[in-house]
All heavy atoms as atom14 arrays in JSON, in Angstrom:
{
  "sequence": "EASERLSGVEEMERRPGRPYWHAQEHLRALPQVG",
  "atom14_mask": [
    [1, 1, 1, 1, 1, 1, 1, 1, 1, 0, 0, 0, 0, 0],
    [1, 1, 1, 1, 1, 0, 0, 0, 0, 0, 0, 0, 0, 0],
    [1, 1, 1, 1, 1, 1, 0, 0, 0, 0, 0, 0, 0, 0],
    [1, 1, 1, 1, 1, 1, 1, 1, 1, 0, 0, 0, 0, 0],
    [1, 1, 1, 1, 1, 1, 1, 1, 1, 1, 1, 0, 0, 0],
    [1, 1, 1, 1, 1, 1, 1, 1, 0, 0, 0, 0, 0, 0],
    [1, 1, 1, 1, 1, 1, 0, 0, 0, 0, 0, 0, 0, 0],
    [1, 1, 1, 1, 0, 0, 0, 0, 0, 0, 0, 0, 0, 0],
    [1, 1, 1, 1, 1, 1, 1, 0, 0, 0, 0, 0, 0, 0],
    [1, 1, 1, 1, 1, 1, 1, 1, 1, 0, 0, 0, 0, 0],
    [1, 1, 1, 1, 1, 1, 1, 1, 1, 0, 0, 0, 0, 0],
    [1, 1, 1, 1, 1, 1, 1, 1, 0, 0, 0, 0, 0, 0],
    [1, 1, 1, 1, 1, 1, 1, 1, 1, 0, 0, 0, 0, 0],
    [1, 1, 1, 1, 1, 1, 1, 1, 1, 1, 1, 0, 0, 0],
    [1, 1, 1, 1, 1, 1, 1, 1, 1, 1, 1, 0, 0, 0],
    [1, 1, 1, 1, 1, 1, 1, 0, 0, 0, 0, 0, 0, 0],
    [1, 1, 1, 1, 0, 0, 0, 0, 0, 0, 0, 0, 0, 0],
    [1, 1, 1, 1, 1, 1, 1, 1, 1, 1, 1, 0, 0, 0],
    [1, 1, 1, 1, 1, 1, 1, 0, 0, 0, 0, 0, 0, 0],
    [1, 1, 1, 1, 1, 1, 1, 1, 1, 1, 1, 1, 0, 0],
    [1, 1, 1, 1, 1, 1, 1, 1, 1, 1, 1, 1, 1, 1],
    [1, 1, 1, 1, 1, 1, 1, 1, 1, 1, 0, 0, 0, 0],
    [1, 1, 1, 1, 1, 0, 0, 0, 0, 0, 0, 0, 0, 0],
    [1, 1, 1, 1, 1, 1, 1, 1, 1, 0, 0, 0, 0, 0],
    [1, 1, 1, 1, 1, 1, 1, 1, 1, 0, 0, 0, 0, 0],
    [1, 1, 1, 1, 1, 1, 1, 1, 1, 1, 0, 0, 0, 0],
    [1, 1, 1, 1, 1, 1, 1, 1, 0, 0, 0, 0, 0, 0],
    [1, 1, 1, 1, 1, 1, 1, 1, 1, 1, 1, 0, 0, 0],
    [1, 1, 1, 1, 1, 0, 0, 0, 0, 0, 0, 0, 0, 0],
    [1, 1, 1, 1, 1, 1, 1, 1, 0, 0, 0, 0, 0, 0],
    [1, 1, 1, 1, 1, 1, 1, 0, 0, 0, 0, 0, 0, 0],
    [1, 1, 1, 1, 1, 1, 1, 1, 1, 0, 0, 0, 0, 0],
    [1, 1, 1, 1, 1, 1, 1, 0, 0, 0, 0, 0, 0, 0],
    [1, 1, 1, 1, 0, 0, 0, 0, 0, 0, 0, 0, 0, 0]
  ],
  "atom14_positions": [
    [[72.87, 74.45, 112.76], [72.08, 73.87, 111.68], [70.58, 73.99, 111.96], [69.81, 73.06, 111.74], [72.48, 72.41, 111.45], [73.94, 72.26, 111.04], [74.38, 70.81, 110.86], [73.68, 69.9, 111.39], [75.4, 70.59, 110.2], [0.0, 0.0, 0.0], [0.0, 0.0, 0.0], [0.0, 0.0, 0.0], [0.0, 0.0, 0.0], [0.0, 0.0, 0.0]],
    [[70.18, 75.16, 112.45], [68.77, 75.42, 112.75], [68.24, 76.62, 111.98], [67.18, 77.15, 112.31], [68.59, 75.65, 114.25], [0.0, 0.0, 0.0], [0.0, 0.0, 0.0], [0.0, 0.0, 0.0], [0.0, 0.0, 0.0], [0.0, 0.0, 0.0], [0.0, 0.0, 0.0], [0.0, 0.0, 0.0], [0.0, 0.0, 0.0], [0.0, 0.0, 0.0]],
    [[68.94, 77.05, 110.94], [68.53, 78.26, 110.23], [67.21, 78.08, 109.48], [66.52, 79.07, 109.2], [69.61, 78.7, 109.24], [69.78, 77.74, 108.21], [0.0, 0.0, 0.0], [0.0, 0.0, 0.0], [0.0, 0.0, 0.0], [0.0, 0.0, 0.0], [0.0, 0.0, 0.0], [0.0, 0.0, 0.0], [0.0, 0.0, 0.0], [0.0, 0.0, 0.0]],
    [[66.83, 76.83, 109.19], [65.55, 76.61, 108.5], [64.36, 76.95, 109.38], [63.24, 77.13, 108.88], [65.45, 75.16, 108.02], [65.15, 74.13, 109.08], [66.34, 73.78, 109.98], [67.47, 74.22, 109.66], [66.14, 73.05, 110.97], [0.0, 0.0, 0.0], [0.0, 0.0, 0.0], [0.0, 0.0, 0.0], [0.0, 0.0, 0.0], [0.0, 0.0, 0.0]],
    [[64.58, 77.1, 110.68], [63.48, 77.47, 111.59], [63.3, 78.97, 111.71], [62.33, 79.43, 112.32], [63.74, 76.88, 112.98], [63.9, 75.37, 113.01], [63.91, 74.88, 114.44], [64.58, 73.59, 114.59], [64.8, 72.99, 115.74], [64.4, 73.57, 116.87], [65.43, 71.83, 115.8], [0.0, 0.0, 0.0], [0.0, 0.0, 0.0], [0.0, 0.0, 0.0]],
    [[64.23, 79.76, 111.17], [64.11, 81.21, 111.27], [62.89, 81.69, 110.49], [62.69, 81.32, 109.33], [65.37, 81.87, 110.72], [66.59, 81.82, 111.65], [67.86, 82.16, 110.89], [66.4, 82.77, 112.83], [0.0, 0.0, 0.0], [0.0, 0.0, 0.0], [0.0, 0.0, 0.0], [0.0, 0.0, 0.0], [0.0, 0.0, 0.0], [0.0, 0.0, 0.0]],
    [[62.09, 82.54, 111.15], [60.88, 83.06, 110.51], [60.99, 84.54, 110.17], [60.1, 85.11, 109.53], [59.67, 82.84, 111.42], [59.85, 83.5, 112.67], [0.0, 0.0, 0.0], [0.0, 0.0, 0.0], [0.0, 0.0, 0.0], [0.0, 0.0, 0.0], [0.0, 0.0, 0.0], [0.0, 0.0, 0.0], [0.0, 0.0, 0.0], [0.0, 0.0, 0.0]],
    [[62.07, 85.19, 110.6], [62.29, 86.6, 110.33], [63.68, 86.99, 110.76], [64.31, 86.28, 111.54], [0.0, 0.0, 0.0], [0.0, 0.0, 0.0], [0.0, 0.0, 0.0], [0.0, 0.0, 0.0], [0.0, 0.0, 0.0], [0.0, 0.0, 0.0], [0.0, 0.0, 0.0], [0.0, 0.0, 0.0], [0.0, 0.0, 0.0], [0.0, 0.0, 0.0]],
    [[64.16, 88.15, 110.24], [65.51, 88.61, 110.59], [65.49, 90.13, 110.78], [64.62, 90.82, 110.26], [66.54, 88.26, 109.5], [66.77, 86.76, 109.43], [66.13, 88.81, 108.14], [0.0, 0.0, 0.0], [0.0, 0.0, 0.0], [0.0, 0.0, 0.0], [0.0, 0.0, 0.0], [0.0, 0.0, 0.0], [0.0, 0.0, 0.0], [0.0, 0.0, 0.0]],
    [[66.46, 90.62, 111.54], [66.65, 92.05, 111.68], [67.15, 92.66, 110.37], [67.69, 91.95, 109.51], [67.67, 92.35, 112.78], [67.25, 91.93, 114.17], [68.38, 92.08, 115.17], [69.55, 91.85, 114.8], [68.08, 92.44, 116.32], [0.0, 0.0, 0.0], [0.0, 0.0, 0.0], [0.0, 0.0, 0.0], [0.0, 0.0, 0.0], [0.0, 0.0, 0.0]],
    [[67.01, 93.97, 110.26], [67.47, 94.66, 109.05], [68.94, 94.41, 108.78], [69.36, 94.25, 107.63], [67.19, 96.17, 109.2], [67.56, 97.0, 107.97], [69.02, 97.4, 107.94], [69.62, 97.54, 109.02], [69.55, 97.56, 106.82], [0.0, 0.0, 0.0], [0.0, 0.0, 0.0], [0.0, 0.0, 0.0], [0.0, 0.0, 0.0], [0.0, 0.0, 0.0]],
    [[69.77, 94.36, 109.82], [71.21, 94.13, 109.68], [71.51, 92.84, 108.91], [72.48, 92.75, 108.15], [71.85, 94.08, 111.06], [73.3, 93.63, 111.07], [74.43, 94.77, 110.25], [74.58, 96.04, 111.5], [0.0, 0.0, 0.0], [0.0, 0.0, 0.0], [0.0, 0.0, 0.0], [0.0, 0.0, 0.0], [0.0, 0.0, 0.0], [0.0, 0.0, 0.0]],
    [[70.67, 91.84, 109.11], [70.92, 90.53, 108.49], [70.72, 90.54, 106.98], [71.03, 89.56, 106.32], [70.03, 89.46, 109.14], [70.18, 89.33, 110.64], [71.55, 88.82, 111.07], [72.36, 88.43, 110.21], [71.81, 88.81, 112.3], [0.0, 0.0, 0.0], [0.0, 0.0, 0.0], [0.0, 0.0, 0.0], [0.0, 0.0, 0.0], [0.0, 0.0, 0.0]],
    [[70.2, 91.62, 106.43], [70.03, 91.73, 104.98], [71.34, 92.15, 104.29], [71.43, 92.09, 103.07], [68.94, 92.76, 104.65], [67.54, 92.42, 105.19], [66.9, 91.31, 104.37], [65.52, 91.08, 104.74], [64.49, 91.73, 104.19], [64.69, 92.65, 103.28], [63.26, 91.44, 104.57], [0.0, 0.0, 0.0], [0.0, 0.0, 0.0], [0.0, 0.0, 0.0]],
    [[72.33, 92.57, 105.06], [73.56, 93.1, 104.47], [74.57, 91.98, 104.24], [74.79, 91.15, 105.12], [74.17, 94.17, 105.38], [73.22, 95.3, 105.73], [73.88, 96.29, 106.66], [72.92, 97.21, 107.24], [73.23, 98.15, 108.13], [74.49, 98.27, 108.54], [72.29, 98.95, 108.62], [0.0, 0.0, 0.0], [0.0, 0.0, 0.0], [0.0, 0.0, 0.0]],
    [[75.23, 91.95, 103.08], [76.22, 90.9, 102.81], [77.52, 91.16, 103.57], [77.73, 92.23, 104.15], [76.45, 91.03, 101.3], [76.15, 92.46, 101.0], [75.04, 92.86, 101.95], [0.0, 0.0, 0.0], [0.0, 0.0, 0.0], [0.0, 0.0, 0.0], [0.0, 0.0, 0.0], [0.0, 0.0, 0.0], [0.0, 0.0, 0.0], [0.0, 0.0, 0.0]],
    [[78.39, 90.17, 103.58], [79.71, 90.32, 104.18], [80.02, 89.33, 105.28], [81.18, 89.01, 105.52], [0.0, 0.0, 0.0], [0.0, 0.0, 0.0], [0.0, 0.0, 0.0], [0.0, 0.0, 0.0], [0.0, 0.0, 0.0], [0.0, 0.0, 0.0], [0.0, 0.0, 0.0], [0.0, 0.0, 0.0], [0.0, 0.0, 0.0], [0.0, 0.0, 0.0]],
    [[78.98, 88.83, 105.97], [79.2, 87.81, 106.98], [79.13, 86.44, 106.3], [78.26, 86.21, 105.45], [78.15, 87.91, 108.09], [78.26, 89.18, 108.91], [77.11, 89.33, 109.91], [75.81, 89.25, 109.26], [75.28, 90.2, 108.51], [75.93, 91.33, 108.3], [74.1, 90.04, 107.94], [0.0, 0.0, 0.0], [0.0, 0.0, 0.0], [0.0, 0.0, 0.0]],
    [[80.01, 85.52, 106.65], [80.05, 84.23, 105.94], [78.7, 83.52, 105.88], [78.34, 82.97, 104.83], [81.07, 83.42, 106.76], [81.99, 84.45, 107.31], [81.13, 85.64, 107.62], [0.0, 0.0, 0.0], [0.0, 0.0, 0.0], [0.0, 0.0, 0.0], [0.0, 0.0, 0.0], [0.0, 0.0, 0.0], [0.0, 0.0, 0.0], [0.0, 0.0, 0.0]],
    [[77.94, 83.52, 106.98], [76.68, 82.77, 106.97], [75.65, 83.39, 106.02], [74.77, 82.69, 105.51], [76.1, 82.62, 108.39], [75.71, 83.91, 109.07], [74.46, 84.49, 108.88], [76.57, 84.54, 109.97], [74.08, 85.65, 109.53], [76.21, 85.71, 110.61], [74.96, 86.26, 110.39], [74.6, 87.42, 111.03], [0.0, 0.0, 0.0], [0.0, 0.0, 0.0]],
    [[75.75, 84.7, 105.78], [74.83, 85.35, 104.83], [75.02, 84.77, 103.44], [74.06, 84.57, 102.69], [75.09, 86.85, 104.83], [74.12, 87.67, 104.02], [72.97, 88.28, 104.47], [74.2, 87.99, 102.63], [72.34, 88.96, 103.45], [73.07, 88.8, 102.3], [75.1, 87.68, 101.61], [72.85, 89.29, 101.01], [74.87, 88.17, 100.33], [73.76, 88.95, 100.05]],
    [[76.26, 84.49, 103.08], [76.55, 83.95, 101.75], [76.24, 82.46, 101.66], [75.93, 81.95, 100.58], [78.02, 84.22, 101.4], [78.34, 85.68, 101.3], [78.19, 86.39, 100.13], [78.75, 86.57, 102.23], [78.52, 87.65, 100.33], [78.86, 87.79, 101.61], [0.0, 0.0, 0.0], [0.0, 0.0, 0.0], [0.0, 0.0, 0.0], [0.0, 0.0, 0.0]],
    [[76.31, 81.77, 102.79], [76.05, 80.32, 102.78], [74.57, 79.99, 102.84], [74.14, 78.96, 102.33], [76.78, 79.66, 103.95], [0.0, 0.0, 0.0], [0.0, 0.0, 0.0], [0.0, 0.0, 0.0], [0.0, 0.0, 0.0], [0.0, 0.0, 0.0], [0.0, 0.0, 0.0], [0.0, 0.0, 0.0], [0.0, 0.0, 0.0], [0.0, 0.0, 0.0]],
    [[73.78, 80.87, 103.46], [72.36, 80.59, 103.7], [71.51, 81.59, 102.91], [71.01, 82.57, 103.46], [72.06, 80.68, 105.2], [72.95, 79.83, 106.08], [72.51, 78.38, 106.1], [71.33, 78.08, 106.02], [73.47, 77.47, 106.21], [0.0, 0.0, 0.0], [0.0, 0.0, 0.0], [0.0, 0.0, 0.0], [0.0, 0.0, 0.0], [0.0, 0.0, 0.0]],
    [[71.34, 81.34, 101.63], [70.66, 82.31, 100.77], [69.21, 82.56, 101.17], [68.67, 83.64, 100.94], [70.73, 81.84, 99.32], [72.15, 81.84, 98.75], [72.17, 81.5, 97.27], [71.07, 81.36, 96.67], [73.27, 81.37, 96.71], [0.0, 0.0, 0.0], [0.0, 0.0, 0.0], [0.0, 0.0, 0.0], [0.0, 0.0, 0.0], [0.0, 0.0, 0.0]],
    [[68.57, 81.56, 101.79], [67.16, 81.74, 102.16], [66.96, 82.82, 103.22], [65.86, 83.36, 103.36], [66.58, 80.41, 102.65], [67.16, 79.95, 103.97], [68.38, 79.34, 104.07], [66.67, 80.02, 105.23], [68.63, 79.05, 105.34], [67.61, 79.45, 106.06], [0.0, 0.0, 0.0], [0.0, 0.0, 0.0], [0.0, 0.0, 0.0], [0.0, 0.0, 0.0]],
    [[68.03, 83.17, 103.95], [67.9, 84.21, 104.97], [67.53, 85.56, 104.35], [66.86, 86.38, 104.97], [69.22, 84.36, 105.75], [69.7, 83.16, 106.57], [71.0, 83.51, 107.27], [68.65, 82.72, 107.57], [0.0, 0.0, 0.0], [0.0, 0.0, 0.0], [0.0, 0.0, 0.0], [0.0, 0.0, 0.0], [0.0, 0.0, 0.0], [0.0, 0.0, 0.0]],
    [[67.96, 85.78, 103.12], [67.73, 87.07, 102.46], [66.26, 87.32, 102.14], [65.85, 88.46, 101.96], [68.56, 87.15, 101.18], [70.02, 86.77, 101.39], [70.76, 86.66, 100.07], [71.99, 85.88, 100.23], [72.82, 85.59, 99.25], [72.57, 86.05, 98.03], [73.89, 84.86, 99.47], [0.0, 0.0, 0.0], [0.0, 0.0, 0.0], [0.0, 0.0, 0.0]],
    [[65.48, 86.25, 102.05], [64.07, 86.38, 101.68], [63.15, 86.42, 102.89], [61.93, 86.59, 102.73], [63.67, 85.22, 100.76], [0.0, 0.0, 0.0], [0.0, 0.0, 0.0], [0.0, 0.0, 0.0], [0.0, 0.0, 0.0], [0.0, 0.0, 0.0], [0.0, 0.0, 0.0], [0.0, 0.0, 0.0], [0.0, 0.0, 0.0], [0.0, 0.0, 0.0]],
    [[63.7, 86.27, 104.09], [62.85, 86.24, 105.28], [62.31, 87.63, 105.6], [62.95, 88.64, 105.32], [63.65, 85.71, 106.48], [64.04, 84.23, 106.43], [64.94, 83.89, 107.61], [62.8, 83.34, 106.43], [0.0, 0.0, 0.0], [0.0, 0.0, 0.0], [0.0, 0.0, 0.0], [0.0, 0.0, 0.0], [0.0, 0.0, 0.0], [0.0, 0.0, 0.0]],
    [[61.13, 87.69, 106.22], [60.55, 89.0, 106.59], [61.47, 89.75, 107.56], [62.13, 89.15, 108.4], [59.23, 88.63, 107.27], [58.91, 87.25, 106.8], [60.23, 86.57, 106.55], [0.0, 0.0, 0.0], [0.0, 0.0, 0.0], [0.0, 0.0, 0.0], [0.0, 0.0, 0.0], [0.0, 0.0, 0.0], [0.0, 0.0, 0.0], [0.0, 0.0, 0.0]],
    [[61.47, 91.06, 107.42], [62.25, 91.9, 108.32], [61.44, 92.18, 109.58], [60.24, 92.47, 109.51], [62.61, 93.21, 107.63], [63.53, 94.1, 108.43], [63.92, 95.34, 107.64], [64.27, 95.26, 106.48], [63.84, 96.5, 108.28], [0.0, 0.0, 0.0], [0.0, 0.0, 0.0], [0.0, 0.0, 0.0], [0.0, 0.0, 0.0], [0.0, 0.0, 0.0]],
    [[62.12, 92.09, 110.75], [61.41, 92.27, 112.02], [61.92, 93.49, 112.8], [61.72, 93.57, 114.01], [61.52, 91.01, 112.9], [60.81, 89.83, 112.24], [62.99, 90.67, 113.18], [0.0, 0.0, 0.0], [0.0, 0.0, 0.0], [0.0, 0.0, 0.0], [0.0, 0.0, 0.0], [0.0, 0.0, 0.0], [0.0, 0.0, 0.0], [0.0, 0.0, 0.0]],
    [[62.56, 94.43, 112.09], [62.98, 95.65, 112.76], [64.48, 95.86, 112.71], [65.22, 95.09, 112.08], [0.0, 0.0, 0.0], [0.0, 0.0, 0.0], [0.0, 0.0, 0.0], [0.0, 0.0, 0.0], [0.0, 0.0, 0.0], [0.0, 0.0, 0.0], [0.0, 0.0, 0.0], [0.0, 0.0, 0.0], [0.0, 0.0, 0.0], [0.0, 0.0, 0.0]]
  ]
}
């Protein structure tokens, strides 16, 4: 329960299919860090 502290994600994290990607919509808008 610390996903609100994420400030960026890898390119892989933009792809759907993992359960947390569908549960945490704000992850999709985070800056890409490589």
